Amino acid sequence: MQINNNGTIVFGLGFTDGSSGVFVATIPACPGSIAPDFNSDCHVDQMDLDKFKPCRTGPGVPYNLQALPSGCLFIPNGSGRIAPDFDNDGDVDHDDFGRIQRCMTGPTLPNDPACMN
């Protein structure tokens, strides 16, 4: 068990280099990281949806990087896009919601990377 950068506890298999005891790697307990798993807890559930919802702008309504919708806490990446904009079209709309909806597993089932296709 380990705590990742955002404070989430991550379960998996870890190992050290043997001689110095320095932690070398973690093998994640879930199959792959997917975009809608905003809190990196290995499943897409209500917590991820709650992070998505404040960022909605609507179809063809671009978000303003200097003034994101109230409650949207995502930091734009190097391309000027925020994580909930799964299709990278500059808005967070029903197309993006469809992707998070397809990826919903609930709090007990692991991520399915195929859901993003």
PDB file of N, CA and C in Angstrom:
ATOM      1  N   MET A   1       0.853  -1.168   0.000  1.00  0.00           N
ATOM      2  CA  MET A   1       0.000   0.000   0.000  1.00  0.00           C
ATOM      3  C   MET A   1       0.897   1.227   0.000  1.00  0.00           C
ATOM      4  N   GLN A   2       0.436   2.272  -0.702  1.00  0.00           N
ATOM      5  CA  GLN A   2       1.200   3.499  -0.818  1.00  0.00           C
ATOM      6  C   GLN A   2       0.222   4.641  -1.027  1.00  0.00           C
ATOM      7  N   ILE A   3       0.628   5.855  -0.721  1.00  0.00           N
ATOM      8  CA  ILE A   3      -0.211   7.025  -0.964  1.00  0.00           C
ATOM      9  C   ILE A   3       0.365   7.770  -2.157  1.00  0.00           C
ATOM     10  N   ASN A   4      -0.460   8.008  -3.198  1.00  0.00           N
ATOM     11  CA  ASN A   4       0.039   8.689  -4.384  1.00  0.00           C
ATOM     12  C   ASN A   4       0.027  10.204  -4.191  1.00  0.00           C
ATOM     13  N   ASN A   5       0.386  10.951  -5.237  1.00  0.00           N
ATOM     14  CA  ASN A   5       0.550  12.405  -5.147  1.00  0.00           C
ATOM     15  C   ASN A   5      -0.711  13.154  -4.738  1.00  0.00           C
ATOM     16  N   ASN A   6      -1.887  12.629  -5.046  1.00  0.00           N
ATOM     17  CA  ASN A   6      -3.107  13.352  -4.685  1.00  0.00           C
ATOM     18  C   ASN A   6      -3.724  12.844  -3.390  1.00  0.00           C
ATOM     19  N   GLY A   7      -2.958  12.038  -2.623  1.00  0.00           N
ATOM     20  CA  GLY A   7      -3.415  11.599  -1.320  1.00  0.00           C
ATOM     21  C   GLY A   7      -4.258  10.348  -1.325  1.00  0.00           C
ATOM     22  N   THR A   8      -4.458   9.747  -2.487  1.00  0.00           N
ATOM     23  CA  THR A   8      -5.255   8.529  -2.582  1.00  0.00           C
ATOM     24  C   THR A   8      -4.401   7.328  -2.204  1.00  0.00           C
ATOM     25  N   ILE A   9      -4.962   6.421  -1.434  1.00  0.00           N
ATOM     26  CA  ILE A   9      -4.232   5.203  -1.093  1.00  0.00           C
ATOM     27  C   ILE A   9      -4.282   4.263  -2.286  1.00  0.00           C
ATOM     28  N   VAL A  10      -3.112   3.756  -2.682  1.00  0.00           N
ATOM     29  CA  VAL A  10      -2.992   2.862  -3.821  1.00  0.00           C
ATOM     30  C   VAL A  10      -2.565   1.495  -3.308  1.00  0.00           C
ATOM     31  N   PHE A  11      -3.319   0.458  -3.664  1.00  0.00           N
ATOM     32  CA  PHE A  11      -2.950  -0.897  -3.295  1.00  0.00           C
ATOM     33  C   PHE A  11      -2.284  -1.541  -4.488  1.00  0.00           C
ATOM     34  N   GLY A  12      -1.218  -2.250  -4.241  1.00  0.00           N
ATOM     35  CA  GLY A  12      -0.521  -2.924  -5.312  1.00  0.00           C
ATOM     36  C   GLY A  12       0.686  -3.643  -4.750  1.00  0.00           C
ATOM     37  N   LEU A  13       1.480  -4.179  -5.619  1.00  0.00           N
ATOM     38  CA  LEU A  13       2.672  -4.892  -5.224  1.00  0.00           C
ATOM     39  C   LEU A  13       3.855  -3.965  -5.439  1.00  0.00           C
ATOM     40  N   GLY A  14       4.616  -3.696  -4.399  1.00  0.00           N
ATOM     41  CA  GLY A  14       5.781  -2.830  -4.527  1.00  0.00           C
ATOM     42  C   GLY A  14       7.033  -3.597  -4.161  1.00  0.00           C
ATOM     43  N   PHE A  15       8.178  -3.092  -4.589  1.00  0.00           N
ATOM     44  CA  PHE A  15       9.416  -3.749  -4.214  1.00  0.00           C
ATOM     45  C   PHE A  15      10.532  -2.718  -4.107  1.00  0.00           C
ATOM     46  N   THR A  16      11.574  -3.086  -3.366  1.00  0.00           N
ATOM     47  CA  THR A  16      12.736  -2.211  -3.202  1.00  0.00           C
ATOM     48  C   THR A  16      13.891  -2.805  -3.981  1.00  0.00           C
ATOM     49  N   ASP A  17      14.978  -2.048  -4.080  1.00  0.00           N
ATOM     50  CA  ASP A  17      16.113  -2.540  -4.863  1.00  0.00           C
ATOM     51  C   ASP A  17      16.928  -3.596  -4.118  1.00  0.00           C
ATOM     52  N   GLY A  18      16.600  -3.895  -2.868  1.00  0.00           N
ATOM     53  CA  GLY A  18      17.253  -4.977  -2.143  1.00  0.00           C
ATOM     54  C   GLY A  18      18.430  -4.540  -1.297  1.00  0.00           C
ATOM     55  N   SER A  19      19.301  -3.707  -1.822  1.00  0.00           N
ATOM     56  CA  SER A  19      20.481  -3.337  -1.057  1.00  0.00           C
ATOM     57  C   SER A  19      20.265  -2.090  -0.206  1.00  0.00           C
ATOM     58  N   SER A  20      19.683  -1.043  -0.773  1.00  0.00           N
ATOM     59  CA  SER A  20      19.528   0.208  -0.024  1.00  0.00           C
ATOM     60  C   SER A  20      18.157   0.334   0.610  1.00  0.00           C
ATOM     61  N   GLY A  21      17.197  -0.513   0.214  1.00  0.00           N
ATOM     62  CA  GLY A  21      15.846  -0.402   0.738  1.00  0.00           C
ATOM     63  C   GLY A  21      15.052   0.713   0.096  1.00  0.00           C
ATOM     64  N   VAL A  22      15.568   1.324  -0.982  1.00  0.00           N
ATOM     65  CA  VAL A  22      14.868   2.398  -1.683  1.00  0.00           C
ATOM     66  C   VAL A  22      13.719   1.800  -2.477  1.00  0.00           C
ATOM     67  N   PHE A  23      12.536   2.407  -2.351  1.00  0.00           N
ATOM     68  CA  PHE A  23      11.360   1.922  -3.083  1.00  0.00           C
ATOM     69  C   PHE A  23      11.586   2.142  -4.565  1.00  0.00           C
ATOM     70  N   VAL A  24      11.453   1.095  -5.364  1.00  0.00           N
ATOM     71  CA  VAL A  24      11.759   1.159  -6.784  1.00  0.00           C
ATOM     72  C   VAL A  24      10.520   1.271  -7.659  1.00  0.00           C
ATOM     73  N   ALA A  25       9.493   0.486  -7.397  1.00  0.00           N
ATOM     74  CA  ALA A  25       8.346   0.476  -8.306  1.00  0.00           C
ATOM     75  C   ALA A  25       7.111  -0.062  -7.618  1.00  0.00           C
ATOM     76  N   THR A  26       5.976   0.257  -8.219  1.00  0.00           N
ATOM     77  CA  THR A  26       4.695  -0.283  -7.784  1.00  0.00           C
ATOM     78  C   THR A  26       4.021  -0.908  -8.993  1.00  0.00           C
ATOM     79  N   ILE A  27       3.519  -2.087  -8.822  1.00  0.00           N
ATOM     80  CA  ILE A  27       2.710  -2.722  -9.858  1.00  0.00           C
ATOM     81  C   ILE A  27       1.268  -2.436  -9.474  1.00  0.00           C
ATOM     82  N   PRO A  28       0.542  -1.651 -10.275  1.00  0.00           N
ATOM     83  CA  PRO A  28      -0.807  -1.261  -9.880  1.00  0.00           C
ATOM     84  C   PRO A  28      -1.746  -2.450  -9.730  1.00  0.00           C
ATOM     85  N   ALA A  29      -2.725  -2.273  -8.848  1.00  0.00           N
ATOM     86  CA  ALA A  29      -3.683  -3.340  -8.598  1.00  0.00           C
ATOM     87  C   ALA A  29      -4.843  -3.317  -9.580  1.00  0.00           C
ATOM     88  N   CYS A  30      -4.888  -2.338 -10.466  1.00  0.00           N
ATOM     89  CA  CYS A  30      -5.979  -2.272 -11.427  1.00  0.00           C
ATOM     90  C   CYS A  30      -5.416  -2.213 -12.852  1.00  0.00           C
ATOM     91  N   PRO A  31      -6.209  -2.602 -13.845  1.00  0.00           N
ATOM     92  CA  PRO A  31      -5.721  -2.661 -15.225  1.00  0.00           C
ATOM     93  C   PRO A  31      -5.694  -1.296 -15.904  1.00  0.00           C
ATOM     94  N   GLY A  32      -4.594  -0.636 -15.834  1.00  0.00           N
ATOM     95  CA  GLY A  32      -4.415   0.609 -16.586  1.00  0.00           C
ATOM     96  C   GLY A  32      -5.096   1.818 -16.007  1.00  0.00           C
ATOM     97  N   SER A  33      -4.573   2.936 -16.361  1.00  0.00           N
ATOM     98  CA  SER A  33      -5.143   4.211 -15.953  1.00  0.00           C
ATOM     99  C   SER A  33      -6.021   4.717 -17.091  1.00  0.00           C
ATOM    100  N   ILE A  34      -7.187   5.208 -16.757  1.00  0.00           N
ATOM    101  CA  ILE A  34      -8.066   5.766 -17.779  1.00  0.00           C
ATOM    102  C   ILE A  34      -8.447   7.182 -17.395  1.00  0.00           C
ATOM    103  N   ALA A  35      -8.700   7.995 -18.391  1.00  0.00           N
ATOM    104  CA  ALA A  35      -8.953   9.419 -18.183  1.00  0.00           C
ATOM    105  C   ALA A  35     -10.083   9.713 -17.197  1.00  0.00           C
ATOM    106  N   PRO A  36     -11.226   9.036 -17.227  1.00  0.00           N
ATOM    107  CA  PRO A  36     -12.301   9.394 -16.293  1.00  0.00           C
ATOM    108  C   PRO A  36     -12.041   9.038 -14.831  1.00  0.00           C
ATOM    109  N   ASP A  37     -10.984   8.297 -14.540  1.00  0.00           N
ATOM    110  CA  ASP A  37     -10.649   7.958 -13.153  1.00  0.00           C
ATOM    111  C   ASP A  37      -9.836   9.111 -12.564  1.00  0.00           C
ATOM    112  N   PHE A  38     -10.517  10.214 -12.301  1.00  0.00           N
ATOM    113  CA  PHE A  38      -9.860  11.448 -11.885  1.00  0.00           C
ATOM    114  C   PHE A  38      -9.119  11.327 -10.557  1.00  0.00           C
ATOM    115  N   ASN A  39      -9.564  10.464  -9.660  1.00  0.00           N
ATOM    116  CA  ASN A  39      -8.897  10.354  -8.370  1.00  0.00           C
ATOM    117  C   ASN A  39      -7.977   9.137  -8.274  1.00  0.00           C
ATOM    118  N   SER A  40      -7.730   8.481  -9.396  1.00  0.00           N
ATOM    119  CA  SER A  40      -6.763   7.377  -9.493  1.00  0.00           C
ATOM    120  C   SER A  40      -6.996   6.273  -8.465  1.00  0.00           C
ATOM    121  N   ASP A  41      -8.264   5.929  -8.219  1.00  0.00           N
ATOM    122  CA  ASP A  41      -8.548   4.872  -7.253  1.00  0.00           C
ATOM    123  C   ASP A  41      -8.911   3.556  -7.937  1.00  0.00           C
ATOM    124  N   CYS A  42      -8.651   3.441  -9.209  1.00  0.00           N
ATOM    125  CA  CYS A  42      -8.804   2.216 -10.000  1.00  0.00           C
ATOM    126  C   CYS A  42     -10.235   1.895 -10.405  1.00  0.00           C
ATOM    127  N   HIS A  43     -11.171   2.818 -10.197  1.00  0.00           N
ATOM    128  CA  HIS A  43     -12.520   2.629 -10.714  1.00  0.00           C
ATOM    129  C   HIS A  43     -13.185   3.992 -10.913  1.00  0.00           C
ATOM    130  N   VAL A  44     -14.130   4.027 -11.841  1.00  0.00           N
ATOM    131  CA  VAL A  44     -14.856   5.261 -12.151  1.00  0.00           C
ATOM    132  C   VAL A  44     -16.202   5.171 -11.443  1.00  0.00           C
ATOM    133  N   ASP A  45     -16.445   6.139 -10.569  1.00  0.00           N
ATOM    134  CA  ASP A  45     -17.658   6.086  -9.762  1.00  0.00           C
ATOM    135  C   ASP A  45     -18.201   7.496  -9.518  1.00  0.00           C
ATOM    136  N   GLN A  46     -19.082   7.619  -8.549  1.00  0.00           N
ATOM    137  CA  GLN A  46     -19.727   8.896  -8.261  1.00  0.00           C
ATOM    138  C   GLN A  46     -18.704   9.991  -7.915  1.00  0.00           C
ATOM    139  N   MET A  47     -17.618   9.629  -7.251  1.00  0.00           N
ATOM    140  CA  MET A  47     -16.600  10.626  -6.906  1.00  0.00           C
ATOM    141  C   MET A  47     -16.011  11.258  -8.169  1.00  0.00           C
ATOM    142  N   ASP A  48     -15.785  10.461  -9.202  1.00  0.00           N
ATOM    143  CA  ASP A  48     -15.245  10.984 -10.459  1.00  0.00           C
ATOM    144  C   ASP A  48     -16.295  11.830 -11.176  1.00  0.00           C
ATOM    145  N   LEU A  49     -17.538  11.372 -11.159  1.00  0.00           N
ATOM    146  CA  LEU A  49     -18.615  12.142 -11.777  1.00  0.00           C
ATOM    147  C   LEU A  49     -18.775  13.491 -11.077  1.00  0.00           C
ATOM    148  N   ASP A  50     -18.633  13.514  -9.755  1.00  0.00           N
ATOM    149  CA  ASP A  50     -18.745  14.767  -9.010  1.00  0.00           C
ATOM    150  C   ASP A  50     -17.641  15.763  -9.385  1.00  0.00           C
ATOM    151  N   LYS A  51     -16.484  15.258  -9.784  1.00  0.00           N
ATOM    152  CA  LYS A  51     -15.401  16.146 -10.244  1.00  0.00           C
ATOM    153  C   LYS A  51     -15.651  16.626 -11.668  1.00  0.00           C
ATOM    154  N   PHE A  52     -16.333  15.807 -12.463  1.00  0.00           N
ATOM    155  CA  PHE A  52     -16.634  16.129 -13.858  1.00  0.00           C
ATOM    156  C   PHE A  52     -17.706  17.212 -13.972  1.00  0.00           C
ATOM    157  N   LYS A  53     -18.783  17.059 -13.202  1.00  0.00           N
ATOM    158  CA  LYS A  53     -19.976  17.899 -13.361  1.00  0.00           C
ATOM    159  C   LYS A  53     -19.726  19.411 -13.315  1.00  0.00           C
ATOM    160  N   PRO A  54     -18.910  19.936 -12.413  1.00  0.00           N
ATOM    161  CA  PRO A  54     -18.731  21.392 -12.384  1.00  0.00           C
ATOM    162  C   PRO A  54     -18.044  21.964 -13.622  1.00  0.00           C
ATOM    163  N   CYS A  55     -17.456  21.114 -14.445  1.00  0.00           N
ATOM    164  CA  CYS A  55     -16.706  21.585 -15.611  1.00  0.00           C
ATOM    165  C   CYS A  55     -17.542  21.654 -16.886  1.00  0.00           C
ATOM    166  N   ARG A  56     -18.799  21.232 -16.825  1.00  0.00           N
ATOM    167  CA  ARG A  56     -19.658  21.222 -18.018  1.00  0.00           C
ATOM    168  C   ARG A  56     -19.851  22.633 -18.562  1.00  0.00           C
ATOM    169  N   THR A  57     -19.735  22.743 -19.871  1.00  0.00           N
ATOM    170  CA  THR A  57     -19.988  24.032 -20.530  1.00  0.00           C
ATOM    171  C   THR A  57     -21.149  23.932 -21.507  1.00  0.00           C
ATOM    172  N   GLY A  58     -21.320  22.784 -22.137  1.00  0.00           N
ATOM    173  CA  GLY A  58     -22.367  22.587 -23.129  1.00  0.00           C
ATOM    174  C   GLY A  58     -21.770  22.450 -24.515  1.00  0.00           C
ATOM    175  N   PRO A  59     -22.533  21.906 -25.461  1.00  0.00           N
ATOM    176  CA  PRO A  59     -22.044  21.692 -26.819  1.00  0.00           C
ATOM    177  C   PRO A  59     -21.669  23.006 -27.497  1.00  0.00           C
ATOM    178  N   GLY A  60     -20.460  23.044 -28.030  1.00  0.00           N
ATOM    179  CA  GLY A  60     -20.010  24.234 -28.758  1.00  0.00           C
ATOM    180  C   GLY A  60     -19.756  25.450 -27.887  1.00  0.00           C
ATOM    181  N   VAL A  61     -19.788  25.288 -26.569  1.00  0.00           N
ATOM    182  CA  VAL A  61     -19.509  26.400 -25.654  1.00  0.00           C
ATOM    183  C   VAL A  61     -18.121  26.170 -25.067  1.00  0.00           C
ATOM    184  N   PRO A  62     -17.114  26.836 -25.620  1.00  0.00           N
ATOM    185  CA  PRO A  62     -15.749  26.583 -25.147  1.00  0.00           C
ATOM    186  C   PRO A  62     -15.550  27.084 -23.722  1.00  0.00           C
ATOM    187  N   TYR A  63     -14.691  26.378 -23.001  1.00  0.00           N
ATOM    188  CA  TYR A  63     -14.336  26.848 -21.666  1.00  0.00           C
ATOM    189  C   TYR A  63     -13.208  27.869 -21.787  1.00  0.00           C
ATOM    190  N   ASN A  64     -13.202  28.799 -20.865  1.00  0.00           N
ATOM    191  CA  ASN A  64     -12.197  29.854 -20.816  1.00  0.00           C
ATOM    192  C   ASN A  64     -11.128  29.415 -19.815  1.00  0.00           C
ATOM    193  N   LEU A  65      -9.899  29.237 -20.261  1.00  0.00           N
ATOM    194  CA  LEU A  65      -8.842  28.753 -19.382  1.00  0.00           C
ATOM    195  C   LEU A  65      -8.549  29.715 -18.232  1.00  0.00           C
ATOM    196  N   GLN A  66      -8.826  30.991 -18.427  1.00  0.00           N
ATOM    197  CA  GLN A  66      -8.594  31.967 -17.369  1.00  0.00           C
ATOM    198  C   GLN A  66      -9.768  32.024 -16.384  1.00  0.00           C
ATOM    199  N   ALA A  67     -10.901  31.511 -16.767  1.00  0.00           N
ATOM    200  CA  ALA A  67     -12.088  31.533 -15.906  1.00  0.00           C
ATOM    201  C   ALA A  67     -12.907  30.264 -16.147  1.00  0.00           C
ATOM    202  N   LEU A  68     -12.405  29.150 -15.618  1.00  0.00           N
ATOM    203  CA  LEU A  68     -13.126  27.889 -15.764  1.00  0.00           C
ATOM    204  C   LEU A  68     -14.450  27.968 -15.008  1.00  0.00           C
ATOM    205  N   PRO A  69     -15.427  27.159 -15.382  1.00  0.00           N
ATOM    206  CA  PRO A  69     -16.705  27.179 -14.672  1.00  0.00           C
ATOM    207  C   PRO A  69     -16.505  27.036 -13.162  1.00  0.00           C
ATOM    208  N   SER A  70     -17.356  27.667 -12.403  1.00  0.00           N
ATOM    209  CA  SER A  70     -17.274  27.637 -10.945  1.00  0.00           C
ATOM    210  C   SER A  70     -17.241  26.200 -10.431  1.00  0.00           C
ATOM    211  N   GLY A  71     -16.267  25.872  -9.626  1.00  0.00           N
ATOM    212  CA  GLY A  71     -16.148  24.533  -9.062  1.00  0.00           C
ATOM    213  C   GLY A  71     -15.301  23.588  -9.880  1.00  0.00           C
ATOM    214  N   CYS A  72     -14.926  23.958 -11.092  1.00  0.00           N
ATOM    215  CA  CYS A  72     -14.067  23.118 -11.933  1.00  0.00           C
ATOM    216  C   CYS A  72     -12.626  23.321 -11.481  1.00  0.00           C
ATOM    217  N   LEU A  73     -12.034  22.274 -10.948  1.00  0.00           N
ATOM    218  CA  LEU A  73     -10.724  22.400 -10.319  1.00  0.00           C
ATOM    219  C   LEU A  73      -9.576  21.806 -11.130  1.00  0.00           C
ATOM    220  N   PHE A  74      -9.791  21.554 -12.397  1.00  0.00           N
ATOM    221  CA  PHE A  74      -8.747  20.949 -13.221  1.00  0.00           C
ATOM    222  C   PHE A  74      -7.785  22.004 -13.760  1.00  0.00           C
ATOM    223  N   ILE A  75      -6.525  21.640 -13.832  1.00  0.00           N
ATOM    224  CA  ILE A  75      -5.499  22.527 -14.377  1.00  0.00           C
ATOM    225  C   ILE A  75      -5.303  22.147 -15.841  1.00  0.00           C
ATOM    226  N   PRO A  76      -5.317  23.133 -16.745  1.00  0.00           N
ATOM    227  CA  PRO A  76      -5.125  22.822 -18.170  1.00  0.00           C
ATOM    228  C   PRO A  76      -3.760  22.170 -18.420  1.00  0.00           C
ATOM    229  N   ASN A  77      -3.718  21.253 -19.380  1.00  0.00           N
ATOM    230  CA  ASN A  77      -2.449  20.628 -19.747  1.00  0.00           C
ATOM    231  C   ASN A  77      -1.679  21.540 -20.702  1.00  0.00           C
ATOM    232  N   GLY A  78      -0.569  21.081 -21.203  1.00  0.00           N
ATOM    233  CA  GLY A  78       0.266  21.869 -22.095  1.00  0.00           C
ATOM    234  C   GLY A  78      -0.415  22.270 -23.390  1.00  0.00           C
ATOM    235  N   SER A  79      -1.472  21.560 -23.770  1.00  0.00           N
ATOM    236  CA  SER A  79      -2.228  21.885 -24.983  1.00  0.00           C
ATOM    237  C   SER A  79      -3.411  22.796 -24.696  1.00  0.00           C
ATOM    238  N   GLY A  80      -3.565  23.220 -23.430  1.00  0.00           N
ATOM    239  CA  GLY A  80      -4.665  24.104 -23.081  1.00  0.00           C
ATOM    240  C   GLY A  80      -5.995  23.397 -22.910  1.00  0.00           C
ATOM    241  N   ARG A  81      -5.959  22.093 -22.639  1.00  0.00           N
ATOM    242  CA  ARG A  81      -7.188  21.322 -22.441  1.00  0.00           C
ATOM    243  C   ARG A  81      -7.275  20.868 -20.992  1.00  0.00           C
ATOM    244  N   ILE A  82      -8.507  20.709 -20.495  1.00  0.00           N
ATOM    245  CA  ILE A  82      -8.700  20.178 -19.158  1.00  0.00           C
ATOM    246  C   ILE A  82      -9.116  18.716 -19.257  1.00  0.00           C
ATOM    247  N   ALA A  83      -8.856  17.939 -18.220  1.00  0.00           N
ATOM    248  CA  ALA A  83      -9.079  16.492 -18.242  1.00  0.00           C
ATOM    249  C   ALA A  83     -10.497  16.078 -18.621  1.00  0.00           C
ATOM    250  N   PRO A  84     -11.567  16.761 -18.167  1.00  0.00           N
ATOM    251  CA  PRO A  84     -12.917  16.316 -18.549  1.00  0.00           C
ATOM    252  C   PRO A  84     -13.260  16.509 -20.027  1.00  0.00           C
ATOM    253  N   ASP A  85     -12.423  17.220 -20.772  1.00  0.00           N
ATOM    254  CA  ASP A  85     -12.617  17.407 -22.210  1.00  0.00           C
ATOM    255  C   ASP A  85     -11.985  16.218 -22.929  1.00  0.00           C
ATOM    256  N   PHE A  86     -12.604  15.041 -22.795  1.00  0.00           N
ATOM    257  CA  PHE A  86     -12.035  13.797 -23.302  1.00  0.00           C
ATOM    258  C   PHE A  86     -11.808  13.811 -24.807  1.00  0.00           C
ATOM    259  N   ASP A  87     -12.659  14.513 -25.553  1.00  0.00           N
ATOM    260  CA  ASP A  87     -12.512  14.529 -27.006  1.00  0.00           C
ATOM    261  C   ASP A  87     -11.693  15.727 -27.501  1.00  0.00           C
ATOM    262  N   ASN A  88     -11.144  16.503 -26.586  1.00  0.00           N
ATOM    263  CA  ASN A  88     -10.241  17.620 -26.911  1.00  0.00           C
ATOM    264  C   ASN A  88     -10.823  18.609 -27.911  1.00  0.00           C
ATOM    265  N   ASP A  89     -12.119  18.920 -27.776  1.00  0.00           N
ATOM    266  CA  ASP A  89     -12.725  19.867 -28.713  1.00  0.00           C
ATOM    267  C   ASP A  89     -12.970  21.248 -28.102  1.00  0.00           C
ATOM    268  N   GLY A  90     -12.473  21.468 -26.861  1.00  0.00           N
ATOM    269  CA  GLY A  90     -12.553  22.797 -26.258  1.00  0.00           C
ATOM    270  C   GLY A  90     -13.793  23.048 -25.432  1.00  0.00           C
ATOM    271  N   ASP A  91     -14.710  22.082 -25.385  1.00  0.00           N
ATOM    272  CA  ASP A  91     -15.884  22.214 -24.516  1.00  0.00           C
ATOM    273  C   ASP A  91     -16.059  20.922 -23.727  1.00  0.00           C
ATOM    274  N   VAL A  92     -16.839  20.983 -22.669  1.00  0.00           N
ATOM    275  CA  VAL A  92     -17.166  19.787 -21.886  1.00  0.00           C
ATOM    276  C   VAL A  92     -18.672  19.624 -22.008  1.00  0.00           C
ATOM    277  N   ASP A  93     -19.065  18.641 -22.818  1.00  0.00           N
ATOM    278  CA  ASP A  93     -20.477  18.500 -23.169  1.00  0.00           C
ATOM    279  C   ASP A  93     -20.936  17.050 -23.098  1.00  0.00           C
ATOM    280  N   HIS A  94     -22.065  16.777 -23.758  1.00  0.00           N
ATOM    281  CA  HIS A  94     -22.651  15.440 -23.725  1.00  0.00           C
ATOM    282  C   HIS A  94     -21.731  14.368 -24.308  1.00  0.00           C
ATOM    283  N   ASP A  95     -20.886  14.723 -25.265  1.00  0.00           N
ATOM    284  CA  ASP A  95     -19.948  13.737 -25.811  1.00  0.00           C
ATOM    285  C   ASP A  95     -18.965  13.284 -24.736  1.00  0.00           C
ATOM    286  N   ASP A  96     -18.486  14.241 -23.940  1.00  0.00           N
ATOM    287  CA  ASP A  96     -17.558  13.914 -22.859  1.00  0.00           C
ATOM    288  C   ASP A  96     -18.279  13.137 -21.752  1.00  0.00           C
ATOM    289  N   PHE A  97     -19.516  13.548 -21.446  1.00  0.00           N
ATOM    290  CA  PHE A  97     -20.304  12.835 -20.442  1.00  0.00           C
ATOM    291  C   PHE A  97     -20.529  11.386 -20.870  1.00  0.00           C
ATOM    292  N   GLY A  98     -20.768  11.171 -22.161  1.00  0.00           N
ATOM    293  CA  GLY A  98     -20.961   9.811 -22.657  1.00  0.00           C
ATOM    294  C   GLY A  98     -19.767   8.928 -22.378  1.00  0.00           C
ATOM    295  N   ARG A  99     -18.590   9.496 -22.470  1.00  0.00           N
ATOM    296  CA  ARG A  99     -17.390   8.690 -22.199  1.00  0.00           C
ATOM    297  C   ARG A  99     -17.277   8.328 -20.721  1.00  0.00           C
ATOM    298  N   ILE A 100     -17.539   9.292 -19.863  1.00  0.00           N
ATOM    299  CA  ILE A 100     -17.460   8.962 -18.431  1.00  0.00           C
ATOM    300  C   ILE A 100     -18.567   7.973 -18.070  1.00  0.00           C
ATOM    301  N   GLN A 101     -19.729   8.111 -18.694  1.00  0.00           N
ATOM    302  CA  GLN A 101     -20.844   7.204 -18.428  1.00  0.00           C
ATOM    303  C   GLN A 101     -20.502   5.771 -18.858  1.00  0.00           C
ATOM    304  N   ARG A 102     -19.870   5.624 -20.025  1.00  0.00           N
ATOM    305  CA  ARG A 102     -19.468   4.291 -20.501  1.00  0.00           C
ATOM    306  C   ARG A 102     -18.414   3.657 -19.598  1.00  0.00           C
ATOM    307  N   CYS A 103     -17.642   4.488 -18.909  1.00  0.00           N
ATOM    308  CA  CYS A 103     -16.549   3.978 -18.072  1.00  0.00           C
ATOM    309  C   CYS A 103     -16.948   3.734 -16.627  1.00  0.00           C
ATOM    310  N   MET A 104     -18.170   4.116 -16.246  1.00  0.00           N
ATOM    311  CA  MET A 104     -18.608   3.936 -14.860  1.00  0.00           C
ATOM    312  C   MET A 104     -18.585   2.458 -14.486  1.00  0.00           C
ATOM    313  N   THR A 105     -17.882   2.150 -13.412  1.00  0.00           N
ATOM    314  CA  THR A 105     -17.813   0.779 -12.912  1.00  0.00           C
ATOM    315  C   THR A 105     -18.372   0.675 -11.510  1.00  0.00           C
ATOM    316  N   GLY A 106     -18.508   1.791 -10.833  1.00  0.00           N
ATOM    317  CA  GLY A 106     -18.916   1.768  -9.436  1.00  0.00           C
ATOM    318  C   GLY A 106     -17.699   1.612  -8.547  1.00  0.00           C
ATOM    319  N   PRO A 107     -17.914   1.572  -7.243  1.00  0.00           N
ATOM    320  CA  PRO A 107     -16.789   1.566  -6.316  1.00  0.00           C
ATOM    321  C   PRO A 107     -16.108   0.212  -6.125  1.00  0.00           C
ATOM    322  N   THR A 108     -16.578  -0.836  -6.786  1.00  0.00           N
ATOM    323  CA  THR A 108     -15.986  -2.153  -6.540  1.00  0.00           C
ATOM    324  C   THR A 108     -15.337  -2.802  -7.752  1.00  0.00           C
ATOM    325  N   LEU A 109     -15.714  -2.429  -8.956  1.00  0.00           N
ATOM    326  CA  LEU A 109     -15.131  -3.058 -10.146  1.00  0.00           C
ATOM    327  C   LEU A 109     -13.970  -2.233 -10.668  1.00  0.00           C
ATOM    328  N   PRO A 110     -12.928  -2.864 -11.187  1.00  0.00           N
ATOM    329  CA  PRO A 110     -11.766  -2.123 -11.694  1.00  0.00           C
ATOM    330  C   PRO A 110     -12.050  -1.440 -13.030  1.00  0.00           C
ATOM    331  N   ASN A 111     -11.187  -0.481 -13.357  1.00  0.00           N
ATOM    332  CA  ASN A 111     -11.271   0.230 -14.641  1.00  0.00           C
ATOM    333  C   ASN A 111     -11.236  -0.750 -15.805  1.00  0.00           C
ATOM    334  N   ASP A 112     -11.918  -0.372 -16.869  1.00  0.00           N
ATOM    335  CA  ASP A 112     -11.867  -1.120 -18.124  1.00  0.00           C
ATOM    336  C   ASP A 112     -11.366  -0.163 -19.197  1.00  0.00           C
ATOM    337  N   PRO A 113     -10.077  -0.227 -19.553  1.00  0.00           N
ATOM    338  CA  PRO A 113      -9.520   0.702 -20.540  1.00  0.00           C
ATOM    339  C   PRO A 113     -10.267   0.706 -21.871  1.00  0.00           C
ATOM    340  N   ALA A 114     -10.979  -0.351 -22.208  1.00  0.00           N
ATOM    341  CA  ALA A 114     -11.725  -0.422 -23.471  1.00  0.00           C
ATOM    342  C   ALA A 114     -12.899   0.565 -23.497  1.00  0.00           C
ATOM    343  N   CYS A 115     -13.312   1.089 -22.347  1.00  0.00           N
ATOM    344  CA  CYS A 115     -14.462   1.975 -22.309  1.00  0.00           C
ATOM    345  C   CYS A 115     -14.213   3.289 -23.033  1.00  0.00           C
ATOM    346  N   MET A 116     -12.974   3.662 -23.265  1.00  0.00           N
ATOM    347  CA  MET A 116     -12.648   4.924 -23.918  1.00  0.00           C
ATOM    348  C   MET A 116     -12.701   4.821 -25.435  1.00  0.00           C
ATOM    349  N   ASN A 117     -12.901   3.630 -25.975  1.00  0.00           N
ATOM    350  CA  ASN A 117     -12.944   3.453 -27.434  1.00  0.00           C
ATOM    351  C   ASN A 117     -14.283   3.858 -28.008  1.00  0.00           C
TER     352      ASN A 117
END
